[in-house]
Amino acid sequence: MTNPNPVIPPAEHQTSVAAQDLLNSATSGVIVERTAQLKNGFHSEGRKFARMMAEFVNVKQVGVASVFVYEETFGIKDKLHWLIHLNSLDAYETMVQMGTADQEYRGTVSQEQVSEDRGGGAWDKIFVDGSMRETVLLPQFWGMYGTQVDGDLEKRSAAYRQEGPLTGVPGAREQVALPGDQILHSGNAGIMLHRTAQIEYDFRSEGRKFAREVAESINENLPGETTVFVYEEAFGSADRIHWLIHMKSLTTYYRLLELHVRNEKVRDLYFQERIPAEKGGGTWARMFVPGSMVDVALTPQHWGMYAT
């Protein structure tokens, strides 16, 4: 599905690689989200560097890695987000090898990005020191990290049924029972909401079940308009859940509001008693650390954005 929005082109338009050859949030086995804050005065240079490096990876690592660049919509200005989609953790080692041995890549990274009349310098002059961070996301599957649903769903996942050692996890596409032309993802969405929340350790299983059920309720009711995938944070905060909420456009947010106001079945998800009596009972509100649920809106970067 391609978003026809003429104002904000989807991220798959950033690259010369054909959409069918790109990994995205539905098909990748790993997403590395890299963020960095541009220094004042280097807004244009930073965006050009971000897009140049993304395109370099897209062209040289077809089928291994695909990179899209986004801007924070209502958050911190001039903060860039790269979503680096990999087919597996093995692909990350391929990326490391490229950074170590590929002389063309190394030359591209080290070339001057700032003109001499502005002092000259490579990419390290463009970004605020210490602002570049990475978060590793793995598509969530039932039973992950030793959690329990009902004893049956855990055994239906591709990860459980795979014979031999586990060498990767299924893409988030497995979470959604919809045809491909009704699914939005990081490549074709007009805007994304990245929601994060920290689950209370005592409610690890209940929190994951709720996260998946909420995502499914949106996917079922807004096909072709909004698609939600759930991910786990690896190598970071334990039991921190990530939702990527892919929307056709910013105005689709009103459809999400409407769904949660008017659809009684969806509303009931939030009022159900979900915590067992032996744990004190309660709704979803007890599952998460207070204040830990945060939304960041991301717009696909395009040339000329924010007057750069």
C-alpha atoms as a PDB file:
ATOM      1  CA  MET A   1       0.000   0.000   0.000  1.00  0.00           C
ATOM      2  CA  THR A   2       1.362   3.410  -0.966  1.00  0.00           C
ATOM      3  CA  ASN A   3       0.205   6.528   0.821  1.00  0.00           C
ATOM      4  CA  PRO A   4      -1.045   9.052  -1.756  1.00  0.00           C
ATOM      5  CA  ASN A   5      -0.510  12.023   0.593  1.00  0.00           C
ATOM      6  CA  PRO A   6       0.977  14.723  -1.699  1.00  0.00           C
ATOM      7  CA  VAL A   7       2.167  16.952   1.159  1.00  0.00           C
ATOM      8  CA  ILE A   8       4.258  14.500   3.166  1.00  0.00           C
ATOM      9  CA  PRO A   9       5.739  11.704   1.011  1.00  0.00           C
ATOM     10  CA  PRO A  10       6.172   8.409   2.908  1.00  0.00           C
ATOM     11  CA  ALA A  11       9.680   7.320   3.864  1.00  0.00           C
ATOM     12  CA  GLU A  12      10.020   4.766   1.073  1.00  0.00           C
ATOM     13  CA  HIS A  13      10.198   7.747  -1.307  1.00  0.00           C
ATOM     14  CA  GLN A  14      13.529   8.761   0.269  1.00  0.00           C
ATOM     15  CA  THR A  15      15.474   6.078  -1.565  1.00  0.00           C
ATOM     16  CA  SER A  16      16.175   4.951  -5.123  1.00  0.00           C
ATOM     17  CA  VAL A  17      15.652   1.312  -4.076  1.00  0.00           C
ATOM     18  CA  ALA A  18      12.289  -0.146  -5.100  1.00  0.00           C
ATOM     19  CA  ALA A  19       9.749  -0.437  -2.289  1.00  0.00           C
ATOM     20  CA  GLN A  20       9.445  -4.212  -2.693  1.00  0.00           C
ATOM     21  CA  ASP A  21      13.187  -4.559  -2.010  1.00  0.00           C
ATOM     22  CA  LEU A  22      13.128  -2.555   1.226  1.00  0.00           C
ATOM     23  CA  LEU A  23      12.804  -3.883   4.738  1.00  0.00           C
ATOM     24  CA  ASN A  24      10.311  -2.038   6.932  1.00  0.00           C
ATOM     25  CA  SER A  25       8.683  -2.219  10.356  1.00  0.00           C
ATOM     26  CA  ALA A  26       6.418  -5.058   9.201  1.00  0.00           C
ATOM     27  CA  THR A  27       9.059  -7.304   7.651  1.00  0.00           C
ATOM     28  CA  SER A  28      12.280  -6.701   9.582  1.00  0.00           C
ATOM     29  CA  GLY A  29      13.441  -8.925  12.417  1.00  0.00           C
ATOM     30  CA  VAL A  30      15.246  -6.067  14.178  1.00  0.00           C
ATOM     31  CA  ILE A  31      14.832  -2.298  14.208  1.00  0.00           C
ATOM     32  CA  VAL A  32      17.611  -0.073  15.510  1.00  0.00           C
ATOM     33  CA  GLU A  33      16.264   3.403  16.236  1.00  0.00           C
ATOM     34  CA  ARG A  34      19.074   5.947  16.190  1.00  0.00           C
ATOM     35  CA  THR A  35      18.428   9.500  17.344  1.00  0.00           C
ATOM     36  CA  ALA A  36      20.657  12.564  17.227  1.00  0.00           C
ATOM     37  CA  GLN A  37      20.251  16.283  17.891  1.00  0.00           C
ATOM     38  CA  LEU A  38      21.456  18.702  15.240  1.00  0.00           C
ATOM     39  CA  LYS A  39      23.470  21.711  16.331  1.00  0.00           C
ATOM     40  CA  ASN A  40      21.990  25.120  15.664  1.00  0.00           C
ATOM     41  CA  GLY A  41      23.409  26.467  12.444  1.00  0.00           C
ATOM     42  CA  PHE A  42      23.888  23.060  10.826  1.00  0.00           C
ATOM     43  CA  HIS A  43      20.278  22.098  10.155  1.00  0.00           C
ATOM     44  CA  SER A  44      20.647  21.657   6.403  1.00  0.00           C
ATOM     45  CA  GLU A  45      24.040  19.932   6.564  1.00  0.00           C
ATOM     46  CA  GLY A  46      22.751  17.488   9.160  1.00  0.00           C
ATOM     47  CA  ARG A  47      19.717  16.498   7.168  1.00  0.00           C
ATOM     48  CA  LYS A  48      21.754  16.060   4.008  1.00  0.00           C
ATOM     49  CA  PHE A  49      24.236  13.857   5.884  1.00  0.00           C
ATOM     50  CA  ALA A  50      21.427  11.785   7.444  1.00  0.00           C
ATOM     51  CA  ARG A  51      19.796  11.135   4.084  1.00  0.00           C
ATOM     52  CA  MET A  52      23.112  10.472   2.340  1.00  0.00           C
ATOM     53  CA  MET A  53      24.143   7.799   4.840  1.00  0.00           C
ATOM     54  CA  ALA A  54      20.687   6.201   4.757  1.00  0.00           C
ATOM     55  CA  GLU A  55      20.804   5.961   0.973  1.00  0.00           C
ATOM     56  CA  PHE A  56      24.312   4.515   1.055  1.00  0.00           C
ATOM     57  CA  VAL A  57      23.101   1.651   3.256  1.00  0.00           C
ATOM     58  CA  ASN A  58      19.895   1.143   1.270  1.00  0.00           C
ATOM     59  CA  VAL A  59      21.755   0.750  -2.011  1.00  0.00           C
ATOM     60  CA  LYS A  60      24.645  -1.382  -0.729  1.00  0.00           C
ATOM     61  CA  GLN A  61      22.721  -3.600   1.695  1.00  0.00           C
ATOM     62  CA  VAL A  62      19.565  -4.563  -0.234  1.00  0.00           C
ATOM     63  CA  GLY A  63      17.836  -7.413   1.606  1.00  0.00           C
ATOM     64  CA  VAL A  64      20.077  -6.941   4.636  1.00  0.00           C
ATOM     65  CA  ALA A  65      19.283  -3.438   5.910  1.00  0.00           C
ATOM     66  CA  SER A  66      17.031  -0.511   4.997  1.00  0.00           C
ATOM     67  CA  VAL A  67      17.179   2.927   6.608  1.00  0.00           C
ATOM     68  CA  PHE A  68      14.525   5.656   6.749  1.00  0.00           C
ATOM     69  CA  VAL A  69      14.906   9.141   8.244  1.00  0.00           C
ATOM     70  CA  TYR A  70      12.232  10.925  10.289  1.00  0.00           C
ATOM     71  CA  GLU A  71      11.753  14.244  12.069  1.00  0.00           C
ATOM     72  CA  GLU A  72      10.045  14.718  15.438  1.00  0.00           C
ATOM     73  CA  THR A  73       6.683  16.266  14.631  1.00  0.00           C
ATOM     74  CA  PHE A  74       5.754  17.984  17.885  1.00  0.00           C
ATOM     75  CA  GLY A  75       8.739  17.146  20.075  1.00  0.00           C
ATOM     76  CA  ILE A  76      12.310  18.416  20.026  1.00  0.00           C
ATOM     77  CA  LYS A  77      13.047  20.494  16.959  1.00  0.00           C
ATOM     78  CA  ASP A  78      15.952  19.390  14.762  1.00  0.00           C
ATOM     79  CA  LYS A  79      16.115  15.976  16.412  1.00  0.00           C
ATOM     80  CA  LEU A  80      16.534  13.299  13.745  1.00  0.00           C
ATOM     81  CA  HIS A  81      15.440   9.671  13.938  1.00  0.00           C
ATOM     82  CA  TRP A  82      16.819   6.911  11.771  1.00  0.00           C
ATOM     83  CA  LEU A  83      14.966   3.598  11.705  1.00  0.00           C
ATOM     84  CA  ILE A  84      17.515   1.000  10.667  1.00  0.00           C
ATOM     85  CA  HIS A  85      15.596  -2.121   9.629  1.00  0.00           C
ATOM     86  CA  LEU A  86      17.607  -5.369   9.713  1.00  0.00           C
ATOM     87  CA  ASN A  87      16.606  -8.881   8.824  1.00  0.00           C
ATOM     88  CA  SER A  88      18.351 -10.247  11.949  1.00  0.00           C
ATOM     89  CA  LEU A  89      21.050  -9.491  14.490  1.00  0.00           C
ATOM     90  CA  ASP A  90      23.477 -11.151  12.066  1.00  0.00           C
ATOM     91  CA  ALA A  91      22.797  -8.222   9.756  1.00  0.00           C
ATOM     92  CA  TYR A  92      24.040  -5.848  12.441  1.00  0.00           C
ATOM     93  CA  GLU A  93      27.379  -7.620  12.299  1.00  0.00           C
ATOM     94  CA  THR A  94      27.321  -7.099   8.523  1.00  0.00           C
ATOM     95  CA  MET A  95      26.795  -3.383   9.163  1.00  0.00           C
ATOM     96  CA  VAL A  96      29.709  -3.332  11.610  1.00  0.00           C
ATOM     97  CA  GLN A  97      31.885  -5.067   9.041  1.00  0.00           C
ATOM     98  CA  MET A  98      30.900  -2.475   6.437  1.00  0.00           C
ATOM     99  CA  GLY A  99      31.928   0.313   8.802  1.00  0.00           C
ATOM    100  CA  THR A 100      35.239  -1.444   9.427  1.00  0.00           C
ATOM    101  CA  ALA A 101      36.277  -2.681   5.987  1.00  0.00           C
ATOM    102  CA  ASP A 102      34.268  -0.876   3.287  1.00  0.00           C
ATOM    103  CA  GLN A 103      36.583   1.939   2.190  1.00  0.00           C
ATOM    104  CA  GLU A 104      33.873   3.683   0.169  1.00  0.00           C
ATOM    105  CA  TYR A 105      31.636   3.799   3.241  1.00  0.00           C
ATOM    106  CA  ARG A 106      34.459   4.988   5.479  1.00  0.00           C
ATOM    107  CA  GLY A 107      35.362   7.679   2.964  1.00  0.00           C
ATOM    108  CA  THR A 108      31.765   8.850   2.774  1.00  0.00           C
ATOM    109  CA  VAL A 109      31.502   9.121   6.562  1.00  0.00           C
ATOM    110  CA  SER A 110      34.746  11.060   6.927  1.00  0.00           C
ATOM    111  CA  GLN A 111      34.265  13.551   4.071  1.00  0.00           C
ATOM    112  CA  GLU A 112      33.769  17.260   4.785  1.00  0.00           C
ATOM    113  CA  GLN A 113      30.144  18.153   5.460  1.00  0.00           C
ATOM    114  CA  VAL A 114      30.552  21.812   6.434  1.00  0.00           C
ATOM    115  CA  SER A 115      31.797  24.393   3.916  1.00  0.00           C
ATOM    116  CA  GLU A 116      35.102  26.160   4.562  1.00  0.00           C
ATOM    117  CA  ASP A 117      33.434  29.555   4.857  1.00  0.00           C
ATOM    118  CA  ARG A 118      31.548  28.125   7.862  1.00  0.00           C
ATOM    119  CA  GLY A 119      34.618  26.629   9.475  1.00  0.00           C
ATOM    120  CA  GLY A 120      34.739  23.286   7.684  1.00  0.00           C
ATOM    121  CA  GLY A 121      34.399  19.904   9.361  1.00  0.00           C
ATOM    122  CA  ALA A 122      32.961  16.400   9.041  1.00  0.00           C
ATOM    123  CA  TRP A 123      29.735  14.974  10.470  1.00  0.00           C
ATOM    124  CA  ASP A 124      30.944  15.243  14.065  1.00  0.00           C
ATOM    125  CA  LYS A 125      30.663  19.026  13.867  1.00  0.00           C
ATOM    126  CA  ILE A 126      26.987  18.810  12.908  1.00  0.00           C
ATOM    127  CA  PHE A 127      25.536  16.968  15.915  1.00  0.00           C
ATOM    128  CA  VAL A 128      25.390  17.810  19.617  1.00  0.00           C
ATOM    129  CA  ASP A 129      28.029  15.793  21.443  1.00  0.00           C
ATOM    130  CA  GLY A 130      26.579  12.827  23.327  1.00  0.00           C
ATOM    131  CA  SER A 131      23.136  13.135  21.698  1.00  0.00           C
ATOM    132  CA  MET A 132      23.454  10.136  19.374  1.00  0.00           C
ATOM    133  CA  ARG A 133      21.669   7.157  20.934  1.00  0.00           C
ATOM    134  CA  GLU A 134      20.406   3.789  19.748  1.00  0.00           C
ATOM    135  CA  THR A 135      17.517   1.597  20.884  1.00  0.00           C
ATOM    136  CA  VAL A 136      17.153  -1.980  19.634  1.00  0.00           C
ATOM    137  CA  LEU A 137      13.598  -3.204  19.009  1.00  0.00           C
ATOM    138  CA  LEU A 138      12.566  -6.817  18.410  1.00  0.00           C
ATOM    139  CA  PRO A 139       9.063  -7.683  17.140  1.00  0.00           C
ATOM    140  CA  GLN A 140       7.077  -9.044  20.055  1.00  0.00           C
ATOM    141  CA  PHE A 141       5.859 -12.649  19.947  1.00  0.00           C
ATOM    142  CA  TRP A 142       3.865 -14.618  22.490  1.00  0.00           C
ATOM    143  CA  GLY A 143       5.951 -16.098  25.290  1.00  0.00           C
ATOM    144  CA  MET A 144       8.885 -13.755  24.706  1.00  0.00           C
ATOM    145  CA  TYR A 145      11.199 -13.185  27.691  1.00  0.00           C
ATOM    146  CA  GLY A 146       9.537 -15.913  29.716  1.00  0.00           C
ATOM    147  CA  THR A 147       6.049 -14.396  29.875  1.00  0.00           C
ATOM    148  CA  GLN A 148       2.796 -16.333  29.737  1.00  0.00           C
ATOM    149  CA  VAL A 149      -0.510 -15.811  27.968  1.00  0.00           C
ATOM    150  CA  ASP A 150      -2.639 -18.936  28.212  1.00  0.00           C
ATOM    151  CA  GLY A 151      -0.161 -21.758  27.654  1.00  0.00           C
ATOM    152  CA  ASP A 152      -1.388 -22.251  24.078  1.00  0.00           C
ATOM    153  CA  LEU A 153      -0.696 -19.003  22.198  1.00  0.00           C
ATOM    154  CA  GLU A 154       2.952 -19.223  23.193  1.00  0.00           C
ATOM    155  CA  LYS A 155       3.275 -22.470  21.244  1.00  0.00           C
ATOM    156  CA  ARG A 156       1.707 -21.095  18.043  1.00  0.00           C
ATOM    157  CA  SER A 157       4.376 -18.516  17.258  1.00  0.00           C
ATOM    158  CA  ALA A 158       6.836 -19.104  14.431  1.00  0.00           C
ATOM    159  CA  ALA A 159       9.662 -18.687  16.946  1.00  0.00           C
ATOM    160  CA  TYR A 160       8.354 -21.609  19.027  1.00  0.00           C
ATOM    161  CA  ARG A 161       7.620 -23.849  16.043  1.00  0.00           C
ATOM    162  CA  GLN A 162      10.933 -23.246  14.291  1.00  0.00           C
ATOM    163  CA  GLU A 163      13.102 -26.353  14.260  1.00  0.00           C
ATOM    164  CA  GLY A 164      16.688 -26.060  15.403  1.00  0.00           C
ATOM    165  CA  PRO A 165      18.379 -23.079  17.040  1.00  0.00           C
ATOM    166  CA  LEU A 166      16.606 -19.732  16.878  1.00  0.00           C
ATOM    167  CA  THR A 167      18.511 -17.494  14.448  1.00  0.00           C
ATOM    168  CA  GLY A 168      15.965 -14.688  14.191  1.00  0.00           C
ATOM    169  CA  VAL A 169      12.432 -13.667  15.114  1.00  0.00           C
ATOM    170  CA  PRO A 170       9.436 -13.229  12.796  1.00  0.00           C
ATOM    171  CA  GLY A 171       8.650  -9.724  11.595  1.00  0.00           C
ATOM    172  CA  ALA A 172       5.819  -7.791  13.208  1.00  0.00           C
ATOM    173  CA  ARG A 173       3.682  -8.630  10.160  1.00  0.00           C
ATOM    174  CA  GLU A 174       2.899 -11.905  11.928  1.00  0.00           C
ATOM    175  CA  GLN A 175       0.995  -9.929  14.588  1.00  0.00           C
ATOM    176  CA  VAL A 176      -1.604  -8.656  12.104  1.00  0.00           C
ATOM    177  CA  ALA A 177      -4.252 -10.795  10.379  1.00  0.00           C
ATOM    178  CA  LEU A 178      -4.838  -8.396   7.455  1.00  0.00           C
ATOM    179  CA  PRO A 179      -3.968  -8.511   3.744  1.00  0.00           C
ATOM    180  CA  GLY A 180      -0.850  -6.608   2.763  1.00  0.00           C
ATOM    181  CA  ASP A 181      -2.715  -3.823   0.974  1.00  0.00           C
ATOM    182  CA  GLN A 182      -4.410  -2.855   4.251  1.00  0.00           C
ATOM    183  CA  ILE A 183      -1.221  -2.654   6.304  1.00  0.00           C
ATOM    184  CA  LEU A 184       0.694   0.554   6.980  1.00  0.00           C
ATOM    185  CA  HIS A 185       4.332   0.369   8.029  1.00  0.00           C
ATOM    186  CA  SER A 186       7.416   2.556   8.366  1.00  0.00           C
ATOM    187  CA  GLY A 187       7.838   2.753   4.606  1.00  0.00           C
ATOM    188  CA  ASN A 188       4.361   3.819   3.508  1.00  0.00           C
ATOM    189  CA  ALA A 189       2.876   5.621   6.541  1.00  0.00           C
ATOM    190  CA  GLY A 190       2.319   9.365   6.390  1.00  0.00           C
ATOM    191  CA  ILE A 191       3.156   9.711  10.092  1.00  0.00           C
ATOM    192  CA  MET A 192       4.081   7.389  12.968  1.00  0.00           C
ATOM    193  CA  LEU A 193       3.496   7.558  16.694  1.00  0.00           C
ATOM    194  CA  HIS A 194       6.192   5.817  18.720  1.00  0.00           C
ATOM    195  CA  ARG A 195       4.685   4.954  22.107  1.00  0.00           C
ATOM    196  CA  THR A 196       6.778   3.511  24.919  1.00  0.00           C
ATOM    197  CA  ALA A 197       5.784   2.279  28.379  1.00  0.00           C
ATOM    198  CA  GLN A 198       7.501   0.490  31.238  1.00  0.00           C
ATOM    199  CA  ILE A 199       5.656  -2.565  32.574  1.00  0.00           C
ATOM    200  CA  GLU A 200       5.651  -3.206  36.323  1.00  0.00           C
ATOM    201  CA  TYR A 201       7.715  -6.356  36.850  1.00  0.00           C
ATOM    202  CA  ASP A 202       4.899  -8.108  38.696  1.00  0.00           C
ATOM    203  CA  PHE A 203       2.608  -7.661  35.681  1.00  0.00           C
ATOM    204  CA  ARG A 204       4.982  -8.646  32.884  1.00  0.00           C
ATOM    205  CA  SER A 205       2.626 -11.182  31.310  1.00  0.00           C
ATOM    206  CA  GLU A 206      -0.547  -9.154  31.763  1.00  0.00           C
ATOM    207  CA  GLY A 207       1.092  -6.029  30.324  1.00  0.00           C
ATOM    208  CA  ARG A 208       2.232  -7.767  27.156  1.00  0.00           C
ATOM    209  CA  LYS A 209      -1.190  -9.323  26.603  1.00  0.00           C
ATOM    210  CA  PHE A 210      -2.826  -5.909  26.989  1.00  0.00           C
ATOM    211  CA  ALA A 211      -0.308  -4.308  24.621  1.00  0.00           C
ATOM    212  CA  ARG A 212      -1.069  -6.835  21.894  1.00  0.00           C
ATOM    213  CA  GLU A 213      -4.844  -6.715  22.401  1.00  0.00           C
ATOM    214  CA  VAL A 214      -4.930  -2.921  22.138  1.00  0.00           C
ATOM    215  CA  ALA A 215      -2.862  -3.073  18.945  1.00  0.00           C
ATOM    216  CA  GLU A 216      -5.173  -5.728  17.514  1.00  0.00           C
ATOM    217  CA  SER A 217      -8.289  -3.689  18.332  1.00  0.00           C
ATOM    218  CA  ILE A 218      -6.969  -0.778  16.261  1.00  0.00           C
ATOM    219  CA  ASN A 219      -5.796  -2.985  13.399  1.00  0.00           C
ATOM    220  CA  GLU A 220      -9.190  -4.695  13.176  1.00  0.00           C
ATOM    221  CA  ASN A 221     -11.189  -1.471  13.202  1.00  0.00           C
ATOM    222  CA  LEU A 222      -9.030   0.857  11.096  1.00  0.00           C
ATOM    223  CA  PRO A 223      -7.603  -1.302   8.279  1.00  0.00           C
ATOM    224  CA  GLY A 224      -5.757   0.765   5.708  1.00  0.00           C
ATOM    225  CA  GLU A 225      -5.834   3.814   8.008  1.00  0.00           C
ATOM    226  CA  THR A 226      -3.818   2.760  11.066  1.00  0.00           C
ATOM    227  CA  THR A 227      -1.609  -0.257  11.749  1.00  0.00           C
ATOM    228  CA  VAL A 228       0.013  -0.935  15.128  1.00  0.00           C
ATOM    229  CA  PHE A 229       2.945  -3.251  15.792  1.00  0.00           C
ATOM    230  CA  VAL A 230       4.370  -4.157  19.208  1.00  0.00           C
ATOM    231  CA  TYR A 231       8.084  -4.496  19.948  1.00  0.00           C
ATOM    232  CA  GLU A 232      10.318  -5.381  22.869  1.00  0.00           C
ATOM    233  CA  GLU A 233      13.377  -3.352  23.801  1.00  0.00           C
ATOM    234  CA  ALA A 234      16.534  -5.452  23.676  1.00  0.00           C
ATOM    235  CA  PHE A 235      19.759  -4.461  25.448  1.00  0.00           C
ATOM    236  CA  GLY A 236      17.984  -1.544  27.143  1.00  0.00           C
ATOM    237  CA  SER A 237      15.321  -1.330  29.848  1.00  0.00           C
ATOM    238  CA  ALA A 238      13.857  -4.730  30.674  1.00  0.00           C
ATOM    239  CA  ASP A 239      10.084  -5.009  30.167  1.00  0.00           C
ATOM    240  CA  ARG A 240       9.855  -1.740  28.273  1.00  0.00           C
ATOM    241  CA  ILE A 241       7.238  -2.067  25.523  1.00  0.00           C
ATOM    242  CA  HIS A 242       7.208  -0.134  22.242  1.00  0.00           C
ATOM    243  CA  TRP A 243       4.243   0.407  19.947  1.00  0.00           C
ATOM    244  CA  LEU A 244       4.766   1.789  16.439  1.00  0.00           C
ATOM    245  CA  ILE A 245       1.436   3.295  15.418  1.00  0.00           C
ATOM    246  CA  HIS A 246       1.493   3.872  11.660  1.00  0.00           C
ATOM    247  CA  MET A 247      -1.119   6.313  10.360  1.00  0.00           C
ATOM    248  CA  LYS A 248      -2.144   7.291   6.851  1.00  0.00           C
ATOM    249  CA  SER A 249      -1.874  10.980   7.760  1.00  0.00           C
ATOM    250  CA  LEU A 250      -1.867  13.261  10.783  1.00  0.00           C
ATOM    251  CA  THR A 251      -5.630  13.728  10.548  1.00  0.00           C
ATOM    252  CA  THR A 252      -6.026   9.961  11.001  1.00  0.00           C
ATOM    253  CA  TYR A 253      -5.423  10.698  14.678  1.00  0.00           C
ATOM    254  CA  TYR A 254      -9.048  11.849  14.841  1.00  0.00           C
ATOM    255  CA  ARG A 255     -10.121   8.368  13.731  1.00  0.00           C
ATOM    256  CA  LEU A 256      -8.184   6.902  16.649  1.00  0.00           C
ATOM    257  CA  LEU A 257      -9.928   9.284  19.052  1.00  0.00           C
ATOM    258  CA  GLU A 258     -13.301   8.440  17.560  1.00  0.00           C
ATOM    259  CA  LEU A 259     -12.639   4.705  17.820  1.00  0.00           C
ATOM    260  CA  HIS A 260     -11.886   4.940  21.530  1.00  0.00           C
ATOM    261  CA  VAL A 261     -14.952   7.104  22.214  1.00  0.00           C
ATOM    262  CA  ARG A 262     -17.625   5.357  20.159  1.00  0.00           C
ATOM    263  CA  ASN A 263     -16.643   1.690  19.888  1.00  0.00           C
ATOM    264  CA  GLU A 264     -17.876  -0.008  23.055  1.00  0.00           C
ATOM    265  CA  LYS A 265     -15.910  -3.201  22.427  1.00  0.00           C
ATOM    266  CA  VAL A 266     -12.680  -1.224  22.190  1.00  0.00           C
ATOM    267  CA  ARG A 267     -13.565   0.904  25.225  1.00  0.00           C
ATOM    268  CA  ASP A 268     -14.205  -2.242  27.252  1.00  0.00           C
ATOM    269  CA  LEU A 269     -10.563  -3.296  26.828  1.00  0.00           C
ATOM    270  CA  TYR A 270      -9.564  -0.427  29.100  1.00  0.00           C
ATOM    271  CA  PHE A 271     -12.113  -1.104  31.834  1.00  0.00           C
ATOM    272  CA  GLN A 272     -11.767  -4.877  32.139  1.00  0.00           C
ATOM    273  CA  GLU A 273     -10.362  -6.389  35.320  1.00  0.00           C
ATOM    274  CA  ARG A 274      -7.077  -7.761  33.975  1.00  0.00           C
ATOM    275  CA  ILE A 275      -4.986  -8.395  37.070  1.00  0.00           C
ATOM    276  CA  PRO A 276      -5.683 -11.616  39.019  1.00  0.00           C
ATOM    277  CA  ALA A 277      -7.227 -11.288  42.445  1.00  0.00           C
ATOM    278  CA  GLU A 278      -4.152 -12.904  44.045  1.00  0.00           C
ATOM    279  CA  LYS A 279      -2.148  -9.927  42.728  1.00  0.00           C
ATOM    280  CA  GLY A 280      -4.647  -7.397  44.024  1.00  0.00           C
ATOM    281  CA  GLY A 281      -6.884  -7.086  40.946  1.00  0.00           C
ATOM    282  CA  GLY A 282      -7.255  -4.024  38.764  1.00  0.00           C
ATOM    283  CA  THR A 283      -7.377  -2.730  35.203  1.00  0.00           C
ATOM    284  CA  TRP A 284      -4.547  -2.022  32.741  1.00  0.00           C
ATOM    285  CA  ALA A 285      -3.721   1.161  34.682  1.00  0.00           C
ATOM    286  CA  ARG A 286      -1.896  -0.846  37.376  1.00  0.00           C
ATOM    287  CA  MET A 287       0.362  -2.610  34.868  1.00  0.00           C
ATOM    288  CA  PHE A 288       2.601   0.287  33.907  1.00  0.00           C
ATOM    289  CA  VAL A 289       5.010   2.488  35.833  1.00  0.00           C
ATOM    290  CA  PRO A 290       3.263   5.864  36.316  1.00  0.00           C
ATOM    291  CA  GLY A 291       4.561   8.530  33.966  1.00  0.00           C
ATOM    292  CA  SER A 292       6.436   6.047  31.761  1.00  0.00           C
ATOM    293  CA  MET A 293       3.989   6.067  28.833  1.00  0.00           C
ATOM    294  CA  VAL A 294       5.313   8.528  26.242  1.00  0.00           C
ATOM    295  CA  ASP A 295       4.290   9.288  22.652  1.00  0.00           C
ATOM    296  CA  VAL A 296       6.613  10.761  20.027  1.00  0.00           C
ATOM    297  CA  ALA A 297       5.197  11.680  16.611  1.00  0.00           C
ATOM    298  CA  LEU A 298       7.537  11.104  13.664  1.00  0.00           C
ATOM    299  CA  THR A 299       7.155  12.589  10.185  1.00  0.00           C
ATOM    300  CA  PRO A 300       9.091  11.093   7.244  1.00  0.00           C
ATOM    301  CA  GLN A 301      11.862  13.518   6.320  1.00  0.00           C
ATOM    302  CA  HIS A 302      11.636  15.155   2.896  1.00  0.00           C
ATOM    303  CA  TRP A 303      13.747  17.783   1.164  1.00  0.00           C
ATOM    304  CA  GLY A 304      12.952  21.349   2.121  1.00  0.00           C
ATOM    305  CA  MET A 305      11.217  20.284   5.348  1.00  0.00           C
ATOM    306  CA  TYR A 306      11.278  22.963   8.067  1.00  0.00           C
ATOM    307  CA  ALA A 307      12.755  25.431   5.570  1.00  0.00           C
ATOM    308  CA  THR A 308      16.100  23.605   5.313  1.00  0.00           C
END
